[in-house]
Amino acid sequence: MFSEKSYYNPDDRIIISIYPALLVNLAESFGADRGKLLRDSGVGDATIQSYAASISLQEFTSLISNSIALTSNSGLGIDYGKLLGASTMVKVLPLMLACENFEEAVTLSLGYCLNLNIRVEKNEQHFMLVIEDQWREDEAVQRFLIEAVACYILNLVPLLFREKVTFSFMALGYEEPDHADRYHAVFGENITFGQKENIFAFDRQKTSQPLLGANEAAKKALIERFDQEYQQYIRSESLPGRVADIIVNWEEGSPSAGQVAELLEMPLSSMSKKLQDSGSSFQKILDDIRCYKALKYLKQENLTVSEVAEILGYSDSSNFRKAFKSWTGTTPSSIRQKV
């Protein structure tokens, strides 16, 4: 998939505002001057504070480079990667859940979410992601993105595994940084620097195990849908991403479509029409996020299924059970039994 498709170009304005905003706020917390950071990167403060705005990959790369320089934090990529979560994964969550195993879920997720040249290699012992050097001219940016991607991949683990899984080894195409001790704390002990390629490897005994919600027919249908709509989606105003971000960060229950439209400062009818034009809908986005949150909460043994339903905004737990089965093909109790 990675070698066959290129969904967007560096000049495409497809990085929705939450991601540069997250980076700017993080850099500011490490002492960067916000105004200087934005000016040096050619990005306006109003842009990253607006749900309706996006920046280009080139602008985001500049923002990364200047964030590192102004914070003197060479490990900023790890700090940033740890902050990536549900809003990053929600678009492809149904596809990941329908995959045969972790290997397929990660491969498809990265292919649809990140503008990276990645190839997959396998042998009897390891499942490996090989990330080509696209930023060799700027090692700091390369390191930041490699760190962030590694954290992103590990953020998938609690969603798809019932046990702790980390890299069996990492080979990295840059020299050992000053913060190498953080690599060992986050990514494991078996890490080598100064290699020809960037490789993340997992133990195939774990990654090849079938996922509970595997569904070949659903997976094929989702891939076909994504291939048809994704290029349009990422070149659009990214309204689905902004709607998803509001829902993900809603503190209690779930917002109504009207509440989200109000926060986006647009009429409900306009929001609904634009979502429809992008191949999405408020209910589809809401269901994806509820599914993600449900899987997370069901792994917490102190919460009953009824309590999970209430947290997600369902007044009737039977409705939650029906919805959950429609999302995943199984029941909340089956998930709970596997924990």
C-alpha atoms as a PDB file:
ATOM      1  CA  MET A   1       0.000   0.000   0.000  1.00  0.00           C
ATOM      2  CA  PHE A   2       2.710   2.518   0.913  1.00  0.00           C
ATOM      3  CA  SER A   3       4.563   2.138  -2.370  1.00  0.00           C
ATOM      4  CA  GLU A   4       1.353   2.133  -4.421  1.00  0.00           C
ATOM      5  CA  LYS A   5      -0.330   5.299  -3.170  1.00  0.00           C
ATOM      6  CA  SER A   6       0.650   8.864  -2.375  1.00  0.00           C
ATOM      7  CA  TYR A   7      -2.336  10.589  -0.857  1.00  0.00           C
ATOM      8  CA  TYR A   8      -0.937  14.092  -0.594  1.00  0.00           C
ATOM      9  CA  ASN A   9       1.987  16.407  -1.346  1.00  0.00           C
ATOM     10  CA  PRO A  10       4.089  18.640   0.935  1.00  0.00           C
ATOM     11  CA  ASP A  11       2.221  21.766  -0.213  1.00  0.00           C
ATOM     12  CA  ASP A  12      -1.227  20.355   0.537  1.00  0.00           C
ATOM     13  CA  ARG A  13      -2.780  22.037   3.563  1.00  0.00           C
ATOM     14  CA  ILE A  14      -3.952  18.867   5.275  1.00  0.00           C
ATOM     15  CA  ILE A  15      -2.458  19.115   8.775  1.00  0.00           C
ATOM     16  CA  ILE A  16      -5.529  20.129  10.773  1.00  0.00           C
ATOM     17  CA  SER A  17      -4.991  22.810  13.366  1.00  0.00           C
ATOM     18  CA  ILE A  18      -5.024  20.558  16.432  1.00  0.00           C
ATOM     19  CA  TYR A  19      -1.639  19.054  15.544  1.00  0.00           C
ATOM     20  CA  PRO A  20       0.388  22.263  15.122  1.00  0.00           C
ATOM     21  CA  ALA A  21      -1.502  23.739  18.095  1.00  0.00           C
ATOM     22  CA  LEU A  22      -0.492  20.744  20.188  1.00  0.00           C
ATOM     23  CA  LEU A  23       3.133  21.195  19.149  1.00  0.00           C
ATOM     24  CA  VAL A  24       3.161  24.955  19.760  1.00  0.00           C
ATOM     25  CA  ASN A  25       1.640  24.545  23.211  1.00  0.00           C
ATOM     26  CA  LEU A  26       4.136  21.807  24.036  1.00  0.00           C
ATOM     27  CA  ALA A  27       7.092  23.912  22.867  1.00  0.00           C
ATOM     28  CA  GLU A  28       5.782  26.864  24.856  1.00  0.00           C
ATOM     29  CA  SER A  29       5.621  24.682  27.977  1.00  0.00           C
ATOM     30  CA  PHE A  30       9.329  23.971  27.464  1.00  0.00           C
ATOM     31  CA  GLY A  31      10.150  27.685  27.321  1.00  0.00           C
ATOM     32  CA  ALA A  32       9.779  28.587  23.626  1.00  0.00           C
ATOM     33  CA  ASP A  33       8.607  32.113  22.771  1.00  0.00           C
ATOM     34  CA  ARG A  34       5.251  31.470  21.091  1.00  0.00           C
ATOM     35  CA  GLY A  35       5.329  34.571  18.907  1.00  0.00           C
ATOM     36  CA  LYS A  36       8.853  33.943  17.652  1.00  0.00           C
ATOM     37  CA  LEU A  37       8.121  30.278  17.007  1.00  0.00           C
ATOM     38  CA  LEU A  38       5.107  31.086  14.855  1.00  0.00           C
ATOM     39  CA  ARG A  39       6.809  33.953  13.013  1.00  0.00           C
ATOM     40  CA  ASP A  40       9.917  31.890  12.228  1.00  0.00           C
ATOM     41  CA  SER A  41       7.712  29.055  10.966  1.00  0.00           C
ATOM     42  CA  GLY A  42       5.478  31.246   8.817  1.00  0.00           C
ATOM     43  CA  VAL A  43       2.352  30.115  10.662  1.00  0.00           C
ATOM     44  CA  GLY A  44      -0.236  32.508  12.080  1.00  0.00           C
ATOM     45  CA  ASP A  45      -1.512  32.155  15.645  1.00  0.00           C
ATOM     46  CA  ALA A  46      -5.082  32.584  14.399  1.00  0.00           C
ATOM     47  CA  THR A  47      -4.549  29.663  12.046  1.00  0.00           C
ATOM     48  CA  ILE A  48      -3.685  27.105  14.700  1.00  0.00           C
ATOM     49  CA  GLN A  49      -6.416  28.365  17.022  1.00  0.00           C
ATOM     50  CA  SER A  50      -9.134  27.950  14.410  1.00  0.00           C
ATOM     51  CA  TYR A  51     -10.995  24.671  13.967  1.00  0.00           C
ATOM     52  CA  ALA A  52     -11.489  25.622  10.325  1.00  0.00           C
ATOM     53  CA  ALA A  53      -7.784  25.977   9.495  1.00  0.00           C
ATOM     54  CA  SER A  54      -5.061  23.657   8.246  1.00  0.00           C
ATOM     55  CA  ILE A  55      -1.368  24.036   7.442  1.00  0.00           C
ATOM     56  CA  SER A  56       0.872  22.331   4.907  1.00  0.00           C
ATOM     57  CA  LEU A  57       3.349  19.553   5.583  1.00  0.00           C
ATOM     58  CA  GLN A  58       6.174  21.964   4.774  1.00  0.00           C
ATOM     59  CA  GLU A  59       4.881  24.456   7.335  1.00  0.00           C
ATOM     60  CA  PHE A  60       4.539  21.702   9.902  1.00  0.00           C
ATOM     61  CA  THR A  61       8.119  20.571   9.238  1.00  0.00           C
ATOM     62  CA  SER A  62       9.316  24.148   9.762  1.00  0.00           C
ATOM     63  CA  LEU A  63       7.319  24.304  12.992  1.00  0.00           C
ATOM     64  CA  ILE A  64       9.005  21.114  14.204  1.00  0.00           C
ATOM     65  CA  SER A  65      12.488  22.383  13.402  1.00  0.00           C
ATOM     66  CA  ASN A  66      11.935  25.722  15.128  1.00  0.00           C
ATOM     67  CA  SER A  67      10.242  24.110  18.141  1.00  0.00           C
ATOM     68  CA  ILE A  68      13.308  21.950  18.735  1.00  0.00           C
ATOM     69  CA  ALA A  69      15.657  24.914  18.306  1.00  0.00           C
ATOM     70  CA  LEU A  70      13.733  27.216  20.641  1.00  0.00           C
ATOM     71  CA  THR A  71      13.245  24.640  23.405  1.00  0.00           C
ATOM     72  CA  SER A  72      16.685  22.994  23.280  1.00  0.00           C
ATOM     73  CA  ASN A  73      14.725  19.785  23.893  1.00  0.00           C
ATOM     74  CA  SER A  74      16.158  17.218  21.517  1.00  0.00           C
ATOM     75  CA  GLY A  75      13.597  14.689  22.754  1.00  0.00           C
ATOM     76  CA  LEU A  76      10.587  16.810  21.893  1.00  0.00           C
ATOM     77  CA  GLY A  77       9.348  14.129  19.489  1.00  0.00           C
ATOM     78  CA  ILE A  78       8.837  11.697  22.364  1.00  0.00           C
ATOM     79  CA  ASP A  79       6.920  14.293  24.371  1.00  0.00           C
ATOM     80  CA  TYR A  80       4.786  15.088  21.327  1.00  0.00           C
ATOM     81  CA  GLY A  81       4.225  11.451  20.423  1.00  0.00           C
ATOM     82  CA  LYS A  82       2.940  10.667  23.894  1.00  0.00           C
ATOM     83  CA  LEU A  83       0.216  13.272  23.407  1.00  0.00           C
ATOM     84  CA  LEU A  84      -1.114  11.693  20.228  1.00  0.00           C
ATOM     85  CA  GLY A  85      -4.200   9.637  20.894  1.00  0.00           C
ATOM     86  CA  ALA A  86      -7.776   8.987  19.895  1.00  0.00           C
ATOM     87  CA  SER A  87      -8.183  11.991  17.608  1.00  0.00           C
ATOM     88  CA  THR A  88      -5.322  10.634  15.475  1.00  0.00           C
ATOM     89  CA  MET A  89      -6.770   7.139  15.174  1.00  0.00           C
ATOM     90  CA  VAL A  90     -10.486   7.701  15.026  1.00  0.00           C
ATOM     91  CA  LYS A  91     -10.785   7.938  11.224  1.00  0.00           C
ATOM     92  CA  VAL A  92      -9.314   4.471  10.683  1.00  0.00           C
ATOM     93  CA  LEU A  93     -10.536   2.813  13.882  1.00  0.00           C
ATOM     94  CA  PRO A  94     -13.258   0.680  12.261  1.00  0.00           C
ATOM     95  CA  LEU A  95     -10.734  -0.529   9.690  1.00  0.00           C
ATOM     96  CA  MET A  96      -8.174  -1.455  12.349  1.00  0.00           C
ATOM     97  CA  LEU A  97     -10.774  -3.390  14.326  1.00  0.00           C
ATOM     98  CA  ALA A  98     -11.762  -5.378  11.222  1.00  0.00           C
ATOM     99  CA  CYS A  99      -8.182  -6.391  10.436  1.00  0.00           C
ATOM    100  CA  GLU A 100      -6.936  -9.930  10.791  1.00  0.00           C
ATOM    101  CA  ASN A 101      -4.164  -9.064  13.242  1.00  0.00           C
ATOM    102  CA  PHE A 102      -2.025  -6.262  14.667  1.00  0.00           C
ATOM    103  CA  GLU A 103       0.328  -6.402  11.676  1.00  0.00           C
ATOM    104  CA  GLU A 104      -2.427  -5.615   9.231  1.00  0.00           C
ATOM    105  CA  ALA A 105      -3.988  -2.984  11.511  1.00  0.00           C
ATOM    106  CA  VAL A 106      -0.722  -1.069  11.902  1.00  0.00           C
ATOM    107  CA  THR A 107       0.107  -1.303   8.205  1.00  0.00           C
ATOM    108  CA  LEU A 108      -3.244   0.096   7.098  1.00  0.00           C
ATOM    109  CA  SER A 109      -3.383   2.696   9.867  1.00  0.00           C
ATOM    110  CA  LEU A 110      -0.013   4.185   8.970  1.00  0.00           C
ATOM    111  CA  GLY A 111      -0.825   4.050   5.277  1.00  0.00           C
ATOM    112  CA  TYR A 112      -3.933   6.180   5.680  1.00  0.00           C
ATOM    113  CA  CYS A 113      -2.794   8.471   8.505  1.00  0.00           C
ATOM    114  CA  LEU A 114       0.792   9.513   7.908  1.00  0.00           C
ATOM    115  CA  ASN A 115       2.732  10.912   4.954  1.00  0.00           C
ATOM    116  CA  LEU A 116       5.640   8.520   5.312  1.00  0.00           C
ATOM    117  CA  ASN A 117       7.499   6.204   2.986  1.00  0.00           C
ATOM    118  CA  ILE A 118       7.153   2.934   4.869  1.00  0.00           C
ATOM    119  CA  ARG A 119       7.535  -0.649   3.820  1.00  0.00           C
ATOM    120  CA  VAL A 120       6.641  -3.766   5.746  1.00  0.00           C
ATOM    121  CA  GLU A 121       9.003  -6.710   6.084  1.00  0.00           C
ATOM    122  CA  LYS A 122       8.402 -10.015   7.831  1.00  0.00           C
ATOM    123  CA  ASN A 123      10.346 -13.104   8.742  1.00  0.00           C
ATOM    124  CA  GLU A 124       9.627 -15.994  11.075  1.00  0.00           C
ATOM    125  CA  GLN A 125      10.640 -14.006  14.157  1.00  0.00           C
ATOM    126  CA  HIS A 126       9.765 -10.372  13.427  1.00  0.00           C
ATOM    127  CA  PHE A 127       7.185  -8.040  11.949  1.00  0.00           C
ATOM    128  CA  MET A 128       9.103  -4.919  10.864  1.00  0.00           C
ATOM    129  CA  LEU A 129       8.212  -1.411   9.756  1.00  0.00           C
ATOM    130  CA  VAL A 130      11.019   0.179   7.744  1.00  0.00           C
ATOM    131  CA  ILE A 131      10.753   3.975   7.540  1.00  0.00           C
ATOM    132  CA  GLU A 132      12.800   5.539   4.763  1.00  0.00           C
ATOM    133  CA  ASP A 133      14.891   8.654   5.420  1.00  0.00           C
ATOM    134  CA  GLN A 134      12.841  11.514   4.023  1.00  0.00           C
ATOM    135  CA  TRP A 135      14.442  14.204   6.203  1.00  0.00           C
ATOM    136  CA  ARG A 136      18.125  13.279   6.168  1.00  0.00           C
ATOM    137  CA  GLU A 137      18.999  16.924   5.460  1.00  0.00           C
ATOM    138  CA  ASP A 138      17.590  17.816   8.886  1.00  0.00           C
ATOM    139  CA  GLU A 139      18.413  15.115  11.424  1.00  0.00           C
ATOM    140  CA  ALA A 140      16.530  16.885  14.220  1.00  0.00           C
ATOM    141  CA  VAL A 141      13.271  16.806  12.220  1.00  0.00           C
ATOM    142  CA  GLN A 142      13.933  13.213  11.203  1.00  0.00           C
ATOM    143  CA  ARG A 143      14.453  12.203  14.819  1.00  0.00           C
ATOM    144  CA  PHE A 144      11.341  14.089  15.975  1.00  0.00           C
ATOM    145  CA  LEU A 145       9.110  12.356  13.437  1.00  0.00           C
ATOM    146  CA  ILE A 146      10.603   8.911  14.050  1.00  0.00           C
ATOM    147  CA  GLU A 147      10.018   9.361  17.797  1.00  0.00           C
ATOM    148  CA  ALA A 148       6.455  10.579  17.262  1.00  0.00           C
ATOM    149  CA  VAL A 149       5.617   7.711  14.895  1.00  0.00           C
ATOM    150  CA  ALA A 150       7.070   5.168  17.329  1.00  0.00           C
ATOM    151  CA  CYS A 151       4.896   6.569  20.117  1.00  0.00           C
ATOM    152  CA  TYR A 152       1.875   6.579  17.801  1.00  0.00           C
ATOM    153  CA  ILE A 153       2.377   2.879  17.057  1.00  0.00           C
ATOM    154  CA  LEU A 154       2.709   2.038  20.731  1.00  0.00           C
ATOM    155  CA  ASN A 155      -0.499   4.008  21.393  1.00  0.00           C
ATOM    156  CA  LEU A 156      -2.293   1.405  19.248  1.00  0.00           C
ATOM    157  CA  VAL A 157      -1.237  -1.433  21.537  1.00  0.00           C
ATOM    158  CA  PRO A 158      -3.808  -0.955  24.353  1.00  0.00           C
ATOM    159  CA  LEU A 159      -6.556  -0.810  21.728  1.00  0.00           C
ATOM    160  CA  LEU A 160      -5.614  -4.044  19.986  1.00  0.00           C
ATOM    161  CA  PHE A 161      -3.829  -6.109  22.640  1.00  0.00           C
ATOM    162  CA  ARG A 162      -4.782  -7.404  26.044  1.00  0.00           C
ATOM    163  CA  GLU A 163      -1.167  -7.466  27.193  1.00  0.00           C
ATOM    164  CA  LYS A 164       1.757  -5.059  27.145  1.00  0.00           C
ATOM    165  CA  VAL A 165       3.605  -5.240  23.843  1.00  0.00           C
ATOM    166  CA  THR A 166       6.584  -3.150  22.819  1.00  0.00           C
ATOM    167  CA  PHE A 167       9.269  -3.247  20.146  1.00  0.00           C
ATOM    168  CA  SER A 168      11.496  -6.329  20.159  1.00  0.00           C
ATOM    169  CA  PHE A 169      14.179  -4.106  18.647  1.00  0.00           C
ATOM    170  CA  MET A 170      14.661  -0.720  16.993  1.00  0.00           C
ATOM    171  CA  ALA A 171      17.338   0.194  14.453  1.00  0.00           C
ATOM    172  CA  LEU A 172      17.638   3.939  13.837  1.00  0.00           C
ATOM    173  CA  GLY A 173      19.328   5.799  11.012  1.00  0.00           C
ATOM    174  CA  TYR A 174      20.854   8.554  13.124  1.00  0.00           C
ATOM    175  CA  GLU A 175      23.467   8.771  15.831  1.00  0.00           C
ATOM    176  CA  GLU A 176      22.636   8.232  19.475  1.00  0.00           C
ATOM    177  CA  PRO A 177      21.063  11.435  20.843  1.00  0.00           C
ATOM    178  CA  ASP A 178      21.709  13.030  24.206  1.00  0.00           C
ATOM    179  CA  HIS A 179      18.353  11.749  25.457  1.00  0.00           C
ATOM    180  CA  ALA A 180      18.998   8.094  24.564  1.00  0.00           C
ATOM    181  CA  ASP A 181      17.995   7.057  28.085  1.00  0.00           C
ATOM    182  CA  ARG A 182      14.427   8.143  27.262  1.00  0.00           C
ATOM    183  CA  TYR A 183      14.412   5.800  24.274  1.00  0.00           C
ATOM    184  CA  HIS A 184      15.133   2.858  26.526  1.00  0.00           C
ATOM    185  CA  ALA A 185      12.463   3.933  29.017  1.00  0.00           C
ATOM    186  CA  VAL A 186       9.762   4.324  26.340  1.00  0.00           C
ATOM    187  CA  PHE A 187      10.720   1.913  23.544  1.00  0.00           C
ATOM    188  CA  GLY A 188      12.676  -0.851  25.285  1.00  0.00           C
ATOM    189  CA  GLU A 189      16.300  -1.811  25.695  1.00  0.00           C
ATOM    190  CA  ASN A 190      17.162  -3.331  22.313  1.00  0.00           C
ATOM    191  CA  ILE A 191      17.937  -0.152  20.342  1.00  0.00           C
ATOM    192  CA  THR A 192      20.840   0.508  17.978  1.00  0.00           C
ATOM    193  CA  PHE A 193      21.719   3.872  16.424  1.00  0.00           C
ATOM    194  CA  GLY A 194      23.674   4.863  13.327  1.00  0.00           C
ATOM    195  CA  GLN A 195      22.080   2.195  11.139  1.00  0.00           C
ATOM    196  CA  LYS A 196      21.327   2.337   7.417  1.00  0.00           C
ATOM    197  CA  GLU A 197      17.570   2.220   7.973  1.00  0.00           C
ATOM    198  CA  ASN A 198      14.946   3.043  10.569  1.00  0.00           C
ATOM    199  CA  ILE A 199      13.313  -0.213  11.658  1.00  0.00           C
ATOM    200  CA  PHE A 200      10.641  -0.906  14.285  1.00  0.00           C
ATOM    201  CA  ALA A 201      10.384  -4.636  14.947  1.00  0.00           C
ATOM    202  CA  PHE A 202       7.792  -6.636  16.884  1.00  0.00           C
ATOM    203  CA  ASP A 203       7.730 -10.272  17.974  1.00  0.00           C
ATOM    204  CA  ARG A 204       5.583 -12.113  15.408  1.00  0.00           C
ATOM    205  CA  GLN A 205       4.320 -14.562  17.983  1.00  0.00           C
ATOM    206  CA  LYS A 206       2.297 -11.657  19.319  1.00  0.00           C
ATOM    207  CA  THR A 207       1.583  -9.527  16.280  1.00  0.00           C
ATOM    208  CA  SER A 208       0.317 -12.402  14.130  1.00  0.00           C
ATOM    209  CA  GLN A 209      -2.340 -13.436  16.640  1.00  0.00           C
ATOM    210  CA  PRO A 210      -5.896 -12.919  15.295  1.00  0.00           C
ATOM    211  CA  LEU A 211      -7.849  -9.906  16.522  1.00  0.00           C
ATOM    212  CA  LEU A 212     -11.204 -10.441  18.155  1.00  0.00           C
ATOM    213  CA  GLY A 213     -13.163  -8.269  15.723  1.00  0.00           C
ATOM    214  CA  ALA A 214     -11.529  -9.521  12.503  1.00  0.00           C
ATOM    215  CA  ASN A 215     -13.962  -9.316   9.605  1.00  0.00           C
ATOM    216  CA  GLU A 216     -12.653  -9.754   6.061  1.00  0.00           C
ATOM    217  CA  ALA A 217     -15.783  -8.494   4.314  1.00  0.00           C
ATOM    218  CA  ALA A 218     -15.942  -5.374   6.474  1.00  0.00           C
ATOM    219  CA  LYS A 219     -12.241  -4.735   5.958  1.00  0.00           C
ATOM    220  CA  LYS A 220     -12.512  -4.920   2.160  1.00  0.00           C
ATOM    221  CA  ALA A 221     -15.515  -2.617   2.133  1.00  0.00           C
ATOM    222  CA  LEU A 222     -13.758  -0.069   4.342  1.00  0.00           C
ATOM    223  CA  ILE A 223     -10.595  -0.122   2.231  1.00  0.00           C
ATOM    224  CA  GLU A 224     -12.648   0.475  -0.899  1.00  0.00           C
ATOM    225  CA  ARG A 225     -14.484   3.344   0.764  1.00  0.00           C
ATOM    226  CA  PHE A 226     -11.291   4.910   2.091  1.00  0.00           C
ATOM    227  CA  ASP A 227      -9.545   4.668  -1.256  1.00  0.00           C
ATOM    228  CA  GLN A 228     -12.444   6.515  -2.893  1.00  0.00           C
ATOM    229  CA  GLU A 229     -12.889   9.276  -0.346  1.00  0.00           C
ATOM    230  CA  TYR A 230      -9.592   9.785   1.443  1.00  0.00           C
ATOM    231  CA  GLN A 231      -7.838  12.063  -1.016  1.00  0.00           C
ATOM    232  CA  GLN A 232     -10.887  14.335  -1.096  1.00  0.00           C
ATOM    233  CA  TYR A 233     -11.110  14.164   2.688  1.00  0.00           C
ATOM    234  CA  ILE A 234      -7.546  15.269   3.398  1.00  0.00           C
ATOM    235  CA  ARG A 235      -7.684  18.058   0.812  1.00  0.00           C
ATOM    236  CA  SER A 236     -10.911  19.427   2.243  1.00  0.00           C
ATOM    237  CA  GLU A 237     -11.353  21.766   5.163  1.00  0.00           C
ATOM    238  CA  SER A 238     -10.916  18.679   7.338  1.00  0.00           C
ATOM    239  CA  LEU A 239     -14.250  19.315   9.002  1.00  0.00           C
ATOM    240  CA  PRO A 240     -14.567  15.623  10.034  1.00  0.00           C
ATOM    241  CA  GLY A 241     -11.285  15.938  11.904  1.00  0.00           C
ATOM    242  CA  ARG A 242     -12.443  19.062  13.722  1.00  0.00           C
ATOM    243  CA  VAL A 243     -15.748  17.431  14.655  1.00  0.00           C
ATOM    244  CA  ALA A 244     -13.886  14.352  15.895  1.00  0.00           C
ATOM    245  CA  ASP A 245     -11.564  16.480  18.017  1.00  0.00           C
ATOM    246  CA  ILE A 246     -14.507  18.154  19.796  1.00  0.00           C
ATOM    247  CA  ILE A 247     -16.180  14.809  20.495  1.00  0.00           C
ATOM    248  CA  VAL A 248     -12.953  13.168  21.709  1.00  0.00           C
ATOM    249  CA  ASN A 249     -12.313  15.982  24.169  1.00  0.00           C
ATOM    250  CA  TRP A 250     -15.909  16.270  25.425  1.00  0.00           C
ATOM    251  CA  GLU A 251     -15.681  15.731  29.179  1.00  0.00           C
ATOM    252  CA  GLU A 252     -19.022  14.077  30.003  1.00  0.00           C
ATOM    253  CA  GLY A 253     -21.045  11.839  27.725  1.00  0.00           C
ATOM    254  CA  SER A 254     -21.171  12.969  24.110  1.00  0.00           C
ATOM    255  CA  PRO A 255     -22.115  16.310  22.538  1.00  0.00           C
ATOM    256  CA  SER A 256     -25.093  16.725  20.263  1.00  0.00           C
ATOM    257  CA  ALA A 257     -24.648  17.728  16.645  1.00  0.00           C
ATOM    258  CA  GLY A 258     -26.060  21.134  17.558  1.00  0.00           C
ATOM    259  CA  GLN A 259     -23.495  21.652  20.320  1.00  0.00           C
ATOM    260  CA  VAL A 260     -20.647  20.783  17.958  1.00  0.00           C
ATOM    261  CA  ALA A 261     -21.977  23.075  15.247  1.00  0.00           C
ATOM    262  CA  GLU A 262     -22.209  25.902  17.787  1.00  0.00           C
ATOM    263  CA  LEU A 263     -18.554  25.415  18.806  1.00  0.00           C
ATOM    264  CA  LEU A 264     -17.574  25.445  15.131  1.00  0.00           C
ATOM    265  CA  GLU A 265     -19.580  28.658  14.710  1.00  0.00           C
ATOM    266  CA  MET A 266     -21.627  27.349  11.783  1.00  0.00           C
ATOM    267  CA  PRO A 267     -25.300  26.470  11.275  1.00  0.00           C
ATOM    268  CA  LEU A 268     -26.137  22.833  11.976  1.00  0.00           C
ATOM    269  CA  SER A 269     -27.493  22.402   8.452  1.00  0.00           C
ATOM    270  CA  SER A 270     -24.231  23.731   6.987  1.00  0.00           C
ATOM    271  CA  MET A 271     -22.121  21.413   9.141  1.00  0.00           C
ATOM    272  CA  SER A 272     -24.248  18.415   8.172  1.00  0.00           C
ATOM    273  CA  LYS A 273     -24.026  19.256   4.467  1.00  0.00           C
ATOM    274  CA  LYS A 274     -20.244  19.685   4.566  1.00  0.00           C
ATOM    275  CA  LEU A 275     -19.805  16.417   6.440  1.00  0.00           C
ATOM    276  CA  GLN A 276     -21.984  14.683   3.865  1.00  0.00           C
ATOM    277  CA  ASP A 277     -19.930  16.192   1.030  1.00  0.00           C
ATOM    278  CA  SER A 278     -16.755  14.785   2.617  1.00  0.00           C
ATOM    279  CA  GLY A 279     -18.289  11.304   2.781  1.00  0.00           C
ATOM    280  CA  SER A 280     -18.968  11.411   6.488  1.00  0.00           C
ATOM    281  CA  SER A 281     -21.681  12.346   8.974  1.00  0.00           C
ATOM    282  CA  PHE A 282     -21.908  13.466  12.567  1.00  0.00           C
ATOM    283  CA  GLN A 283     -23.342  10.097  13.625  1.00  0.00           C
ATOM    284  CA  LYS A 284     -20.593   8.157  11.847  1.00  0.00           C
ATOM    285  CA  ILE A 285     -17.875  10.173  13.575  1.00  0.00           C
ATOM    286  CA  LEU A 286     -19.646   9.919  16.922  1.00  0.00           C
ATOM    287  CA  ASP A 287     -19.980   6.130  16.586  1.00  0.00           C
ATOM    288  CA  ASP A 288     -16.298   5.728  15.695  1.00  0.00           C
ATOM    289  CA  ILE A 289     -15.233   7.659  18.780  1.00  0.00           C
ATOM    290  CA  ARG A 290     -17.721   5.943  21.058  1.00  0.00           C
ATOM    291  CA  CYS A 291     -16.352   2.607  19.849  1.00  0.00           C
ATOM    292  CA  TYR A 292     -12.787   3.675  20.607  1.00  0.00           C
ATOM    293  CA  LYS A 293     -13.727   4.919  24.076  1.00  0.00           C
ATOM    294  CA  ALA A 294     -15.823   1.825  24.782  1.00  0.00           C
ATOM    295  CA  LEU A 295     -12.889  -0.474  24.063  1.00  0.00           C
ATOM    296  CA  LYS A 296     -10.716   1.598  26.369  1.00  0.00           C
ATOM    297  CA  TYR A 297     -13.227   1.672  29.231  1.00  0.00           C
ATOM    298  CA  LEU A 298     -14.080  -2.024  28.951  1.00  0.00           C
ATOM    299  CA  LYS A 299     -10.471  -2.806  29.776  1.00  0.00           C
ATOM    300  CA  GLN A 300     -10.961  -1.090  33.145  1.00  0.00           C
ATOM    301  CA  GLU A 301     -12.213  -3.828  35.437  1.00  0.00           C
ATOM    302  CA  ASN A 302     -13.649  -1.353  37.961  1.00  0.00           C
ATOM    303  CA  LEU A 303     -16.292  -0.226  35.435  1.00  0.00           C
ATOM    304  CA  THR A 304     -19.382  -2.293  34.693  1.00  0.00           C
ATOM    305  CA  VAL A 305     -20.823  -2.456  31.189  1.00  0.00           C
ATOM    306  CA  SER A 306     -23.718  -0.286  32.359  1.00  0.00           C
ATOM    307  CA  GLU A 307     -21.295   2.314  33.720  1.00  0.00           C
ATOM    308  CA  VAL A 308     -19.403   2.355  30.419  1.00  0.00           C
ATOM    309  CA  ALA A 309     -22.690   2.889  28.604  1.00  0.00           C
ATOM    310  CA  GLU A 310     -23.523   5.816  30.883  1.00  0.00           C
ATOM    311  CA  ILE A 311     -20.085   7.406  30.420  1.00  0.00           C
ATOM    312  CA  LEU A 312     -20.595   7.272  26.656  1.00  0.00           C
ATOM    313  CA  GLY A 313     -23.972   8.988  26.914  1.00  0.00           C
ATOM    314  CA  TYR A 314     -26.328   6.008  26.651  1.00  0.00           C
ATOM    315  CA  SER A 315     -29.284   6.150  29.035  1.00  0.00           C
ATOM    316  CA  ASP A 316     -30.113   2.518  28.268  1.00  0.00           C
ATOM    317  CA  SER A 317     -27.293  -0.049  28.438  1.00  0.00           C
ATOM    318  CA  SER A 318     -29.164  -2.371  26.055  1.00  0.00           C
ATOM    319  CA  ASN A 319     -28.877   0.283  23.337  1.00  0.00           C
ATOM    320  CA  PHE A 320     -25.162   0.495  24.036  1.00  0.00           C
ATOM    321  CA  ARG A 321     -24.823  -3.299  23.711  1.00  0.00           C
ATOM    322  CA  LYS A 322     -26.606  -3.245  20.344  1.00  0.00           C
ATOM    323  CA  ALA A 323     -24.474  -0.358  19.109  1.00  0.00           C
ATOM    324  CA  PHE A 324     -21.250  -1.993  20.285  1.00  0.00           C
ATOM    325  CA  LYS A 325     -22.057  -5.213  18.438  1.00  0.00           C
ATOM    326  CA  SER A 326     -22.778  -3.251  15.258  1.00  0.00           C
ATOM    327  CA  TRP A 327     -19.356  -1.557  15.559  1.00  0.00           C
ATOM    328  CA  THR A 328     -17.217  -4.563  16.413  1.00  0.00           C
ATOM    329  CA  GLY A 329     -19.225  -7.696  15.604  1.00  0.00           C
ATOM    330  CA  THR A 330     -19.051  -8.845  19.217  1.00  0.00           C
ATOM    331  CA  THR A 331     -20.537  -7.936  22.608  1.00  0.00           C
ATOM    332  CA  PRO A 332     -19.125  -5.808  25.444  1.00  0.00           C
ATOM    333  CA  SER A 333     -19.218  -8.880  27.699  1.00  0.00           C
ATOM    334  CA  SER A 334     -17.046 -10.825  25.243  1.00  0.00           C
ATOM    335  CA  ILE A 335     -14.469  -8.046  25.295  1.00  0.00           C
ATOM    336  CA  ARG A 336     -14.610  -7.931  29.101  1.00  0.00           C
ATOM    337  CA  GLN A 337     -14.040 -11.707  29.316  1.00  0.00           C
ATOM    338  CA  LYS A 338     -10.888 -11.372  27.208  1.00  0.00           C
ATOM    339  CA  VAL A 339      -9.333  -8.714  29.458  1.00  0.00           C
END
